[in-house]
Amino acid sequence: GIGTVDSDYRGEWNVPLINWSKDDYAIKDGERIAQVVIAKYERAEI
């Protein structure tokens, strides 16, 4: 659905895609496959 990348992660960003259709889909180099929204968050004291 929506993935979170934490501020302390330093590895390569990989996008977990799924093909819900009945047809194969060829992803091309440079094709826009996802979008990123940067969001501020607060940590809760539990």
All heavy atoms as atom14 arrays in JSON, in Angstrom:
{
  "sequence": "GIGTVDSDYRGEWNVPLINWSKDDYAIKDGERIAQVVIAKYERAEI",
  "atom14_mask": [
    [1, 1, 1, 1, 0, 0, 0, 0, 0, 0, 0, 0, 0, 0],
    [1, 1, 1, 1, 1, 1, 1, 1, 0, 0, 0, 0, 0, 0],
    [1, 1, 1, 1, 0, 0, 0, 0, 0, 0, 0, 0, 0, 0],
    [1, 1, 1, 1, 1, 1, 1, 0, 0, 0, 0, 0, 0, 0],
    [1, 1, 1, 1, 1, 1, 1, 0, 0, 0, 0, 0, 0, 0],
    [1, 1, 1, 1, 1, 1, 1, 1, 0, 0, 0, 0, 0, 0],
    [1, 1, 1, 1, 1, 1, 0, 0, 0, 0, 0, 0, 0, 0],
    [1, 1, 1, 1, 1, 1, 1, 1, 0, 0, 0, 0, 0, 0],
    [1, 1, 1, 1, 1, 1, 1, 1, 1, 1, 1, 1, 0, 0],
    [1, 1, 1, 1, 1, 1, 1, 1, 1, 1, 1, 0, 0, 0],
    [1, 1, 1, 1, 0, 0, 0, 0, 0, 0, 0, 0, 0, 0],
    [1, 1, 1, 1, 1, 1, 1, 1, 1, 0, 0, 0, 0, 0],
    [1, 1, 1, 1, 1, 1, 1, 1, 1, 1, 1, 1, 1, 1],
    [1, 1, 1, 1, 1, 1, 1, 1, 0, 0, 0, 0, 0, 0],
    [1, 1, 1, 1, 1, 1, 1, 0, 0, 0, 0, 0, 0, 0],
    [1, 1, 1, 1, 1, 1, 1, 0, 0, 0, 0, 0, 0, 0],
    [1, 1, 1, 1, 1, 1, 1, 1, 0, 0, 0, 0, 0, 0],
    [1, 1, 1, 1, 1, 1, 1, 1, 0, 0, 0, 0, 0, 0],
    [1, 1, 1, 1, 1, 1, 1, 1, 0, 0, 0, 0, 0, 0],
    [1, 1, 1, 1, 1, 1, 1, 1, 1, 1, 1, 1, 1, 1],
    [1, 1, 1, 1, 1, 1, 0, 0, 0, 0, 0, 0, 0, 0],
    [1, 1, 1, 1, 1, 1, 1, 1, 1, 0, 0, 0, 0, 0],
    [1, 1, 1, 1, 1, 1, 1, 1, 0, 0, 0, 0, 0, 0],
    [1, 1, 1, 1, 1, 1, 1, 1, 0, 0, 0, 0, 0, 0],
    [1, 1, 1, 1, 1, 1, 1, 1, 1, 1, 1, 1, 0, 0],
    [1, 1, 1, 1, 1, 0, 0, 0, 0, 0, 0, 0, 0, 0],
    [1, 1, 1, 1, 1, 1, 1, 1, 0, 0, 0, 0, 0, 0],
    [1, 1, 1, 1, 1, 1, 1, 1, 1, 0, 0, 0, 0, 0],
    [1, 1, 1, 1, 1, 1, 1, 1, 0, 0, 0, 0, 0, 0],
    [1, 1, 1, 1, 0, 0, 0, 0, 0, 0, 0, 0, 0, 0],
    [1, 1, 1, 1, 1, 1, 1, 1, 1, 0, 0, 0, 0, 0],
    [1, 1, 1, 1, 1, 1, 1, 1, 1, 1, 1, 0, 0, 0],
    [1, 1, 1, 1, 1, 1, 1, 1, 0, 0, 0, 0, 0, 0],
    [1, 1, 1, 1, 1, 0, 0, 0, 0, 0, 0, 0, 0, 0],
    [1, 1, 1, 1, 1, 1, 1, 1, 1, 0, 0, 0, 0, 0],
    [1, 1, 1, 1, 1, 1, 1, 0, 0, 0, 0, 0, 0, 0],
    [1, 1, 1, 1, 1, 1, 1, 0, 0, 0, 0, 0, 0, 0],
    [1, 1, 1, 1, 1, 1, 1, 1, 0, 0, 0, 0, 0, 0],
    [1, 1, 1, 1, 1, 0, 0, 0, 0, 0, 0, 0, 0, 0],
    [1, 1, 1, 1, 1, 1, 1, 1, 1, 0, 0, 0, 0, 0],
    [1, 1, 1, 1, 1, 1, 1, 1, 1, 1, 1, 1, 0, 0],
    [1, 1, 1, 1, 1, 1, 1, 1, 1, 0, 0, 0, 0, 0],
    [1, 1, 1, 1, 1, 1, 1, 1, 1, 1, 1, 0, 0, 0],
    [1, 1, 1, 1, 1, 0, 0, 0, 0, 0, 0, 0, 0, 0],
    [1, 1, 1, 1, 1, 1, 1, 1, 1, 0, 0, 0, 0, 0],
    [1, 1, 1, 1, 1, 1, 1, 1, 0, 0, 0, 0, 0, 0]
  ],
  "atom14_positions": [
    [[0.83, -1.21, 0.0], [0.0, 0.0, 0.0], [0.86, 1.25, 0.0], [1.1, 1.84, -1.04], [0.0, 0.0, 0.0], [0.0, 0.0, 0.0], [0.0, 0.0, 0.0], [0.0, 0.0, 0.0], [0.0, 0.0, 0.0], [0.0, 0.0, 0.0], [0.0, 0.0, 0.0], [0.0, 0.0, 0.0], [0.0, 0.0, 0.0], [0.0, 0.0, 0.0]],
    [[1.31, 1.64, 1.16], [2.26, 2.75, 1.29], [3.43, 2.22, 2.11], [3.24, 1.63, 3.16], [1.64, 3.97, 2.01], [0.53, 4.58, 1.16], [2.7, 5.01, 2.33], [-0.17, 5.76, 1.79], [0.0, 0.0, 0.0], [0.0, 0.0, 0.0], [0.0, 0.0, 0.0], [0.0, 0.0, 0.0], [0.0, 0.0, 0.0], [0.0, 0.0, 0.0]],
    [[4.63, 2.45, 1.6], [5.83, 2.03, 2.33], [6.46, 3.21, 3.04], [6.35, 4.34, 2.58], [0.0, 0.0, 0.0], [0.0, 0.0, 0.0], [0.0, 0.0, 0.0], [0.0, 0.0, 0.0], [0.0, 0.0, 0.0], [0.0, 0.0, 0.0], [0.0, 0.0, 0.0], [0.0, 0.0, 0.0], [0.0, 0.0, 0.0], [0.0, 0.0, 0.0]],
    [[7.11, 2.93, 4.15], [7.81, 3.96, 4.91], [9.3, 3.71, 4.85], [9.75, 2.59, 5.07], [7.35, 3.97, 6.39], [5.99, 4.39, 6.44], [8.2, 4.91, 7.23], [0.0, 0.0, 0.0], [0.0, 0.0, 0.0], [0.0, 0.0, 0.0], [0.0, 0.0, 0.0], [0.0, 0.0, 0.0], [0.0, 0.0, 0.0], [0.0, 0.0, 0.0]],
    [[10.06, 4.76, 4.55], [11.52, 4.72, 4.68], [11.86, 5.6, 5.87], [11.54, 6.79, 5.89], [12.23, 5.22, 3.41], [13.75, 5.14, 3.6], [11.8, 4.44, 2.19], [0.0, 0.0, 0.0], [0.0, 0.0, 0.0], [0.0, 0.0, 0.0], [0.0, 0.0, 0.0], [0.0, 0.0, 0.0], [0.0, 0.0, 0.0], [0.0, 0.0, 0.0]],
    [[12.49, 5.0, 6.87], [12.85, 5.72, 8.09], [14.08, 6.6, 7.88], [14.91, 6.34, 6.99], [13.14, 4.72, 9.22], [11.92, 3.89, 9.57], [10.85, 4.49, 9.79], [12.04, 2.65, 9.63], [0.0, 0.0, 0.0], [0.0, 0.0, 0.0], [0.0, 0.0, 0.0], [0.0, 0.0, 0.0], [0.0, 0.0, 0.0], [0.0, 0.0, 0.0]],
    [[14.21, 7.62, 8.71], [15.29, 8.59, 8.55], [16.68, 7.99, 8.79], [17.67, 8.53, 8.31], [15.09, 9.79, 9.48], [15.15, 9.38, 10.83], [0.0, 0.0, 0.0], [0.0, 0.0, 0.0], [0.0, 0.0, 0.0], [0.0, 0.0, 0.0], [0.0, 0.0, 0.0], [0.0, 0.0, 0.0], [0.0, 0.0, 0.0], [0.0, 0.0, 0.0]],
    [[16.76, 6.87, 9.48], [18.07, 6.27, 9.74], [18.44, 5.16, 8.75], [19.49, 4.54, 8.87], [18.17, 5.75, 11.17], [17.12, 4.71, 11.54], [16.19, 4.47, 10.73], [17.22, 4.14, 12.64], [0.0, 0.0, 0.0], [0.0, 0.0, 0.0], [0.0, 0.0, 0.0], [0.0, 0.0, 0.0], [0.0, 0.0, 0.0], [0.0, 0.0, 0.0]],
    [[17.61, 4.92, 7.73], [17.92, 3.9, 6.72], [18.87, 4.49, 5.68], [18.62, 5.58, 5.15], [16.64, 3.41, 6.05], [16.89, 2.4, 4.94], [17.36, 1.13, 5.24], [16.69, 2.73, 3.61], [17.61, 0.21, 4.23], [16.93, 1.82, 2.59], [17.41, 0.56, 2.92], [17.65, -0.34, 1.92], [0.0, 0.0, 0.0], [0.0, 0.0, 0.0]],
    [[19.94, 3.77, 5.35], [20.92, 4.27, 4.39], [21.12, 3.36, 3.19], [21.98, 3.6, 2.35], [22.27, 4.5, 5.08], [22.26, 5.61, 6.11], [21.95, 6.97, 5.48], [22.0, 8.04, 6.42], [20.95, 8.5, 7.1], [19.77, 7.95, 6.95], [21.09, 9.49, 7.95], [0.0, 0.0, 0.0], [0.0, 0.0, 0.0], [0.0, 0.0, 0.0]],
    [[20.35, 2.29, 3.08], [20.48, 1.4, 1.93], [19.76, 1.95, 0.7], [19.11, 3.0, 0.74], [0.0, 0.0, 0.0], [0.0, 0.0, 0.0], [0.0, 0.0, 0.0], [0.0, 0.0, 0.0], [0.0, 0.0, 0.0], [0.0, 0.0, 0.0], [0.0, 0.0, 0.0], [0.0, 0.0, 0.0], [0.0, 0.0, 0.0], [0.0, 0.0, 0.0]],
    [[19.88, 1.21, -0.4], [19.21, 1.62, -1.64], [17.7, 1.53, -1.47], [17.18, 0.58, -0.88], [19.64, 0.71, -2.8], [18.99, 1.11, -4.11], [19.44, 0.23, -5.28], [20.17, -0.75, -5.07], [19.05, 0.56, -6.42], [0.0, 0.0, 0.0], [0.0, 0.0, 0.0], [0.0, 0.0, 0.0], [0.0, 0.0, 0.0], [0.0, 0.0, 0.0]],
    [[17.01, 2.5, -2.02], [15.55, 2.47, -2.02], [15.11, 1.55, -3.15], [15.4, 1.77, -4.32], [14.98, 3.86, -2.25], [15.05, 4.78, -1.06], [15.76, 4.59, 0.09], [14.4, 6.03, -0.92], [15.6, 5.65, 0.94], [14.75, 6.56, 0.33], [13.56, 6.77, -1.74], [14.29, 7.78, 0.8], [13.1, 7.99, -1.28], [13.44, 8.48, -0.03]],
    [[14.4, 0.48, -2.78], [13.79, -0.44, -3.73], [12.29, -0.37, -3.54], [11.81, -0.22, -2.41], [14.27, -1.87, -3.47], [15.73, -2.04, -3.79], [16.1, -2.12, -4.95], [16.58, -2.05, -2.76], [0.0, 0.0, 0.0], [0.0, 0.0, 0.0], [0.0, 0.0, 0.0], [0.0, 0.0, 0.0], [0.0, 0.0, 0.0], [0.0, 0.0, 0.0]],
    [[11.54, -0.47, -4.61], [10.09, -0.31, -4.54], [9.42, -1.69, -4.69], [9.64, -2.37, -5.7], [9.59, 0.64, -5.64], [8.08, 0.79, -5.59], [10.25, 2.01, -5.49], [0.0, 0.0, 0.0], [0.0, 0.0, 0.0], [0.0, 0.0, 0.0], [0.0, 0.0, 0.0], [0.0, 0.0, 0.0], [0.0, 0.0, 0.0], [0.0, 0.0, 0.0]],
    [[8.61, -2.11, -3.7], [7.94, -3.41, -3.78], [6.68, -3.33, -4.64], [5.6, -2.98, -4.15], [7.61, -3.73, -2.32], [7.43, -2.38, -1.68], [8.36, -1.45, -2.43], [0.0, 0.0, 0.0], [0.0, 0.0, 0.0], [0.0, 0.0, 0.0], [0.0, 0.0, 0.0], [0.0, 0.0, 0.0], [0.0, 0.0, 0.0], [0.0, 0.0, 0.0]],
    [[6.82, -3.63, -5.92], [5.7, -3.53, -6.85], [4.97, -4.88, -6.98], [5.57, -5.94, -6.8], [6.17, -3.1, -8.24], [6.7, -1.67, -8.36], [7.12, -1.39, -9.8], [5.68, -0.65, -7.89], [0.0, 0.0, 0.0], [0.0, 0.0, 0.0], [0.0, 0.0, 0.0], [0.0, 0.0, 0.0], [0.0, 0.0, 0.0], [0.0, 0.0, 0.0]],
    [[3.7, -4.79, -7.33], [2.89, -5.96, -7.64], [2.1, -5.68, -8.91], [1.66, -4.54, -9.13], [1.94, -6.35, -6.47], [1.25, -7.68, -6.76], [0.97, -5.24, -6.14], [0.58, -8.32, -5.56], [0.0, 0.0, 0.0], [0.0, 0.0, 0.0], [0.0, 0.0, 0.0], [0.0, 0.0, 0.0], [0.0, 0.0, 0.0], [0.0, 0.0, 0.0]],
    [[1.95, -6.71, -9.71], [1.17, -6.6, -10.94], [-0.17, -7.28, -10.7], [-0.27, -8.49, -10.71], [1.92, -7.26, -12.11], [1.19, -7.11, -13.43], [0.03, -6.74, -13.48], [1.88, -7.43, -14.51], [0.0, 0.0, 0.0], [0.0, 0.0, 0.0], [0.0, 0.0, 0.0], [0.0, 0.0, 0.0], [0.0, 0.0, 0.0], [0.0, 0.0, 0.0]],
    [[-1.19, -6.47, -10.45], [-2.54, -6.99, -10.16], [-3.26, -7.4, -11.44], [-4.32, -8.02, -11.36], [-3.38, -5.92, -9.46], [-2.87, -5.48, -8.12], [-2.25, -4.3, -7.83], [-2.93, -6.2, -6.89], [-1.93, -4.25, -6.49], [-2.34, -5.39, -5.89], [-3.43, -7.45, -6.54], [-2.23, -5.8, -4.57], [-3.32, -7.85, -5.21], [-2.74, -7.03, -4.24]],
    [[-2.73, -7.07, -12.6], [-3.44, -7.33, -13.86], [-3.23, -8.77, -14.33], [-2.49, -9.54, -13.72], [-2.99, -6.35, -14.94], [-1.76, -6.76, -15.5], [0.0, 0.0, 0.0], [0.0, 0.0, 0.0], [0.0, 0.0, 0.0], [0.0, 0.0, 0.0], [0.0, 0.0, 0.0], [0.0, 0.0, 0.0], [0.0, 0.0, 0.0], [0.0, 0.0, 0.0]],
    [[-3.85, -9.07, -15.45], [-3.71, -10.39, -16.07], [-2.63, -10.4, -17.15], [-2.39, -11.41, -17.78], [-5.05, -10.83, -16.65], [-6.1, -11.03, -15.6], [-7.42, -11.46, -16.2], [-8.38, -11.76, -15.07], [-9.7, -11.27, -15.24], [0.0, 0.0, 0.0], [0.0, 0.0, 0.0], [0.0, 0.0, 0.0], [0.0, 0.0, 0.0], [0.0, 0.0, 0.0]],
    [[-2.0, -9.24, -17.37], [-0.99, -9.1, -18.41], [0.38, -8.79, -17.8], [0.47, -8.05, -16.83], [-1.36, -7.96, -19.37], [-2.7, -8.18, -20.04], [-2.95, -9.31, -20.52], [-3.51, -7.23, -20.07], [0.0, 0.0, 0.0], [0.0, 0.0, 0.0], [0.0, 0.0, 0.0], [0.0, 0.0, 0.0], [0.0, 0.0, 0.0], [0.0, 0.0, 0.0]],
    [[1.43, -9.33, -18.4], [2.78, -8.98, -17.99], [3.02, -7.5, -18.29], [2.42, -6.95, -19.2], [3.81, -9.83, -18.74], [3.73, -11.32, -18.38], [3.0, -11.68, -17.45], [4.41, -12.1, -19.07], [0.0, 0.0, 0.0], [0.0, 0.0, 0.0], [0.0, 0.0, 0.0], [0.0, 0.0, 0.0], [0.0, 0.0, 0.0], [0.0, 0.0, 0.0]],
    [[3.91, -6.88, -17.52], [4.21, -5.46, -17.73], [5.73, -5.27, -17.72], [6.41, -5.66, -16.77], [3.57, -4.6, -16.64], [3.78, -3.13, -16.87], [3.06, -2.44, -17.82], [4.76, -2.44, -16.15], [3.28, -1.09, -18.05], [4.98, -1.1, -16.38], [4.25, -0.43, -17.33], [4.47, 0.9, -17.57], [0.0, 0.0, 0.0], [0.0, 0.0, 0.0]],
    [[6.26, -4.66, -18.77], [7.69, -4.39, -18.88], [8.0, -3.01, -18.3], [7.52, -2.0, -18.8], [8.14, -4.47, -20.33], [0.0, 0.0, 0.0], [0.0, 0.0, 0.0], [0.0, 0.0, 0.0], [0.0, 0.0, 0.0], [0.0, 0.0, 0.0], [0.0, 0.0, 0.0], [0.0, 0.0, 0.0], [0.0, 0.0, 0.0], [0.0, 0.0, 0.0]],
    [[8.8, -3.01, -17.25], [9.25, -1.76, -16.63], [10.56, -1.38, -17.3], [11.48, -2.19, -17.41], [9.45, -1.95, -15.11], [8.13, -2.36, -14.46], [10.0, -0.67, -14.48], [8.27, -2.83, -13.03], [0.0, 0.0, 0.0], [0.0, 0.0, 0.0], [0.0, 0.0, 0.0], [0.0, 0.0, 0.0], [0.0, 0.0, 0.0], [0.0, 0.0, 0.0]],
    [[10.65, -0.14, -17.74], [11.83, 0.34, -18.45], [12.74, 1.14, -17.51], [12.26, 1.75, -16.55], [11.41, 1.21, -19.63], [10.56, 0.47, -20.64], [10.2, 1.33, -21.82], [9.36, 0.62, -22.85], [9.38, -0.8, -22.91], [0.0, 0.0, 0.0], [0.0, 0.0, 0.0], [0.0, 0.0, 0.0], [0.0, 0.0, 0.0], [0.0, 0.0, 0.0]],
    [[14.03, 1.14, -17.81], [14.97, 1.96, -17.04], [14.54, 3.42, -17.12], [14.23, 3.94, -18.19], [16.38, 1.8, -17.62], [17.4, 2.58, -16.82], [17.41, 2.47, -15.58], [18.2, 3.31, -17.44], [0.0, 0.0, 0.0], [0.0, 0.0, 0.0], [0.0, 0.0, 0.0], [0.0, 0.0, 0.0], [0.0, 0.0, 0.0], [0.0, 0.0, 0.0]],
    [[14.45, 4.07, -15.96], [14.06, 5.47, -15.91], [12.57, 5.71, -15.82], [12.13, 6.84, -15.6], [0.0, 0.0, 0.0], [0.0, 0.0, 0.0], [0.0, 0.0, 0.0], [0.0, 0.0, 0.0], [0.0, 0.0, 0.0], [0.0, 0.0, 0.0], [0.0, 0.0, 0.0], [0.0, 0.0, 0.0], [0.0, 0.0, 0.0], [0.0, 0.0, 0.0]],
    [[11.76, 4.65, -15.98], [10.3, 4.8, -15.88], [9.91, 5.16, -14.44], [10.44, 4.59, -13.48], [9.61, 3.5, -16.29], [8.1, 3.58, -16.21], [7.43, 2.31, -16.72], [8.12, 1.39, -17.19], [6.19, 2.25, -16.62], [0.0, 0.0, 0.0], [0.0, 0.0, 0.0], [0.0, 0.0, 0.0], [0.0, 0.0, 0.0], [0.0, 0.0, 0.0]],
    [[9.01, 6.09, -14.31], [8.54, 6.5, -12.99], [7.64, 5.39, -12.43], [6.58, 5.12, -12.97], [7.79, 7.83, -13.08], [8.68, 8.96, -13.58], [7.92, 10.23, -13.84], [6.89, 10.0, -14.84], [5.78, 10.74, -14.97], [5.56, 11.76, -14.18], [4.89, 10.46, -15.89], [0.0, 0.0, 0.0], [0.0, 0.0, 0.0], [0.0, 0.0, 0.0]],
    [[8.08, 4.76, -11.34], [7.37, 3.6, -10.8], [6.66, 3.87, -9.48], [5.83, 3.07, -9.05], [8.31, 2.4, -10.62], [9.5, 2.76, -9.72], [8.77, 1.88, -11.98], [10.34, 1.58, -9.29], [0.0, 0.0, 0.0], [0.0, 0.0, 0.0], [0.0, 0.0, 0.0], [0.0, 0.0, 0.0], [0.0, 0.0, 0.0], [0.0, 0.0, 0.0]],
    [[6.98, 4.97, -8.84], [6.36, 5.31, -7.55], [6.56, 6.79, -7.31], [7.24, 7.48, -8.08], [6.98, 4.5, -6.41], [0.0, 0.0, 0.0], [0.0, 0.0, 0.0], [0.0, 0.0, 0.0], [0.0, 0.0, 0.0], [0.0, 0.0, 0.0], [0.0, 0.0, 0.0], [0.0, 0.0, 0.0], [0.0, 0.0, 0.0], [0.0, 0.0, 0.0]],
    [[5.94, 7.28, -6.25], [6.17, 8.66, -5.85], [6.47, 8.69, -4.37], [6.12, 7.77, -3.63], [4.99, 9.55, -6.21], [3.67, 9.14, -5.59], [2.56, 10.04, -6.09], [2.73, 11.23, -6.31], [1.37, 9.46, -6.25], [0.0, 0.0, 0.0], [0.0, 0.0, 0.0], [0.0, 0.0, 0.0], [0.0, 0.0, 0.0], [0.0, 0.0, 0.0]],
    [[7.14, 9.75, -3.94], [7.58, 9.88, -2.56], [7.06, 11.17, -1.97], [7.23, 12.24, -2.56], [9.13, 9.91, -2.48], [9.59, 10.09, -1.04], [9.72, 8.64, -3.07], [0.0, 0.0, 0.0], [0.0, 0.0, 0.0], [0.0, 0.0, 0.0], [0.0, 0.0, 0.0], [0.0, 0.0, 0.0], [0.0, 0.0, 0.0], [0.0, 0.0, 0.0]],
    [[6.43, 11.06, -0.81], [6.02, 12.22, -0.04], [6.86, 12.23, 1.23], [6.91, 11.22, 1.95], [4.51, 12.18, 0.31], [4.14, 13.31, 1.26], [3.68, 12.24, -0.97], [0.0, 0.0, 0.0], [0.0, 0.0, 0.0], [0.0, 0.0, 0.0], [0.0, 0.0, 0.0], [0.0, 0.0, 0.0], [0.0, 0.0, 0.0], [0.0, 0.0, 0.0]],
    [[7.54, 13.32, 1.49], [8.33, 13.46, 2.71], [7.41, 14.04, 3.78], [6.74, 15.05, 3.55], [9.54, 14.4, 2.49], [10.4, 13.92, 1.32], [10.35, 14.53, 3.78], [11.06, 12.58, 1.49], [0.0, 0.0, 0.0], [0.0, 0.0, 0.0], [0.0, 0.0, 0.0], [0.0, 0.0, 0.0], [0.0, 0.0, 0.0], [0.0, 0.0, 0.0]],
    [[7.35, 13.37, 4.93], [6.44, 13.79, 5.99], [7.15, 13.87, 7.34], [7.97, 13.01, 7.67], [5.26, 12.81, 6.08], [0.0, 0.0, 0.0], [0.0, 0.0, 0.0], [0.0, 0.0, 0.0], [0.0, 0.0, 0.0], [0.0, 0.0, 0.0], [0.0, 0.0, 0.0], [0.0, 0.0, 0.0], [0.0, 0.0, 0.0], [0.0, 0.0, 0.0]],
    [[6.81, 14.9, 8.08], [7.3, 15.05, 9.45], [6.46, 14.15, 10.35], [5.27, 13.96, 10.12], [7.16, 16.51, 9.88], [7.86, 16.85, 11.16], [7.82, 18.35, 11.38], [8.51, 18.72, 12.66], [9.95, 18.76, 12.57], [0.0, 0.0, 0.0], [0.0, 0.0, 0.0], [0.0, 0.0, 0.0], [0.0, 0.0, 0.0], [0.0, 0.0, 0.0]],
    [[7.09, 13.58, 11.34], [6.34, 12.73, 12.28], [6.79, 13.01, 13.7], [7.82, 13.63, 13.93], [6.54, 11.24, 11.95], [7.94, 10.75, 12.16], [8.38, 10.33, 13.42], [8.85, 10.73, 11.12], [9.68, 9.89, 13.61], [10.15, 10.3, 11.3], [10.56, 9.88, 12.56], [11.85, 9.46, 12.74], [0.0, 0.0, 0.0], [0.0, 0.0, 0.0]],
    [[5.99, 12.55, 14.63], [6.33, 12.65, 16.04], [6.38, 11.25, 16.62], [5.6, 10.38, 16.23], [5.26, 13.46, 16.78], [5.14, 14.85, 16.21], [5.05, 15.91, 17.28], [5.29, 15.61, 18.46], [4.74, 17.03, 16.9], [0.0, 0.0, 0.0], [0.0, 0.0, 0.0], [0.0, 0.0, 0.0], [0.0, 0.0, 0.0], [0.0, 0.0, 0.0]],
    [[7.28, 11.03, 17.53], [7.35, 9.75, 18.22], [6.51, 9.85, 19.48], [6.6, 10.83, 20.22], [8.79, 9.41, 18.57], [9.59, 9.03, 17.33], [10.98, 8.63, 17.68], [10.98, 7.56, 18.64], [11.58, 6.38, 18.47], [12.22, 6.15, 17.36], [11.55, 5.48, 19.41], [0.0, 0.0, 0.0], [0.0, 0.0, 0.0], [0.0, 0.0, 0.0]],
    [[5.71, 8.84, 19.7], [4.85, 8.82, 20.88], [5.62, 8.29, 22.09], [6.47, 7.42, 21.97], [3.65, 7.92, 20.62], [0.0, 0.0, 0.0], [0.0, 0.0, 0.0], [0.0, 0.0, 0.0], [0.0, 0.0, 0.0], [0.0, 0.0, 0.0], [0.0, 0.0, 0.0], [0.0, 0.0, 0.0], [0.0, 0.0, 0.0], [0.0, 0.0, 0.0]],
    [[5.29, 8.85, 23.24], [5.78, 8.28, 24.49], [4.7, 7.3, 24.94], [3.55, 7.69, 25.18], [5.97, 9.39, 25.54], [6.49, 8.88, 26.85], [6.66, 9.99, 27.88], [6.98, 11.13, 27.48], [6.45, 9.71, 29.07], [0.0, 0.0, 0.0], [0.0, 0.0, 0.0], [0.0, 0.0, 0.0], [0.0, 0.0, 0.0], [0.0, 0.0, 0.0]],
    [[5.05, 6.04, 25.01], [4.06, 5.0, 25.28], [3.98, 4.74, 26.78], [5.0, 4.51, 27.44], [4.4, 3.71, 24.52], [4.4, 4.03, 23.02], [3.43, 2.59, 24.87], [4.93, 2.93, 22.14], [0.0, 0.0, 0.0], [0.0, 0.0, 0.0], [0.0, 0.0, 0.0], [0.0, 0.0, 0.0], [0.0, 0.0, 0.0], [0.0, 0.0, 0.0]]
  ]
}
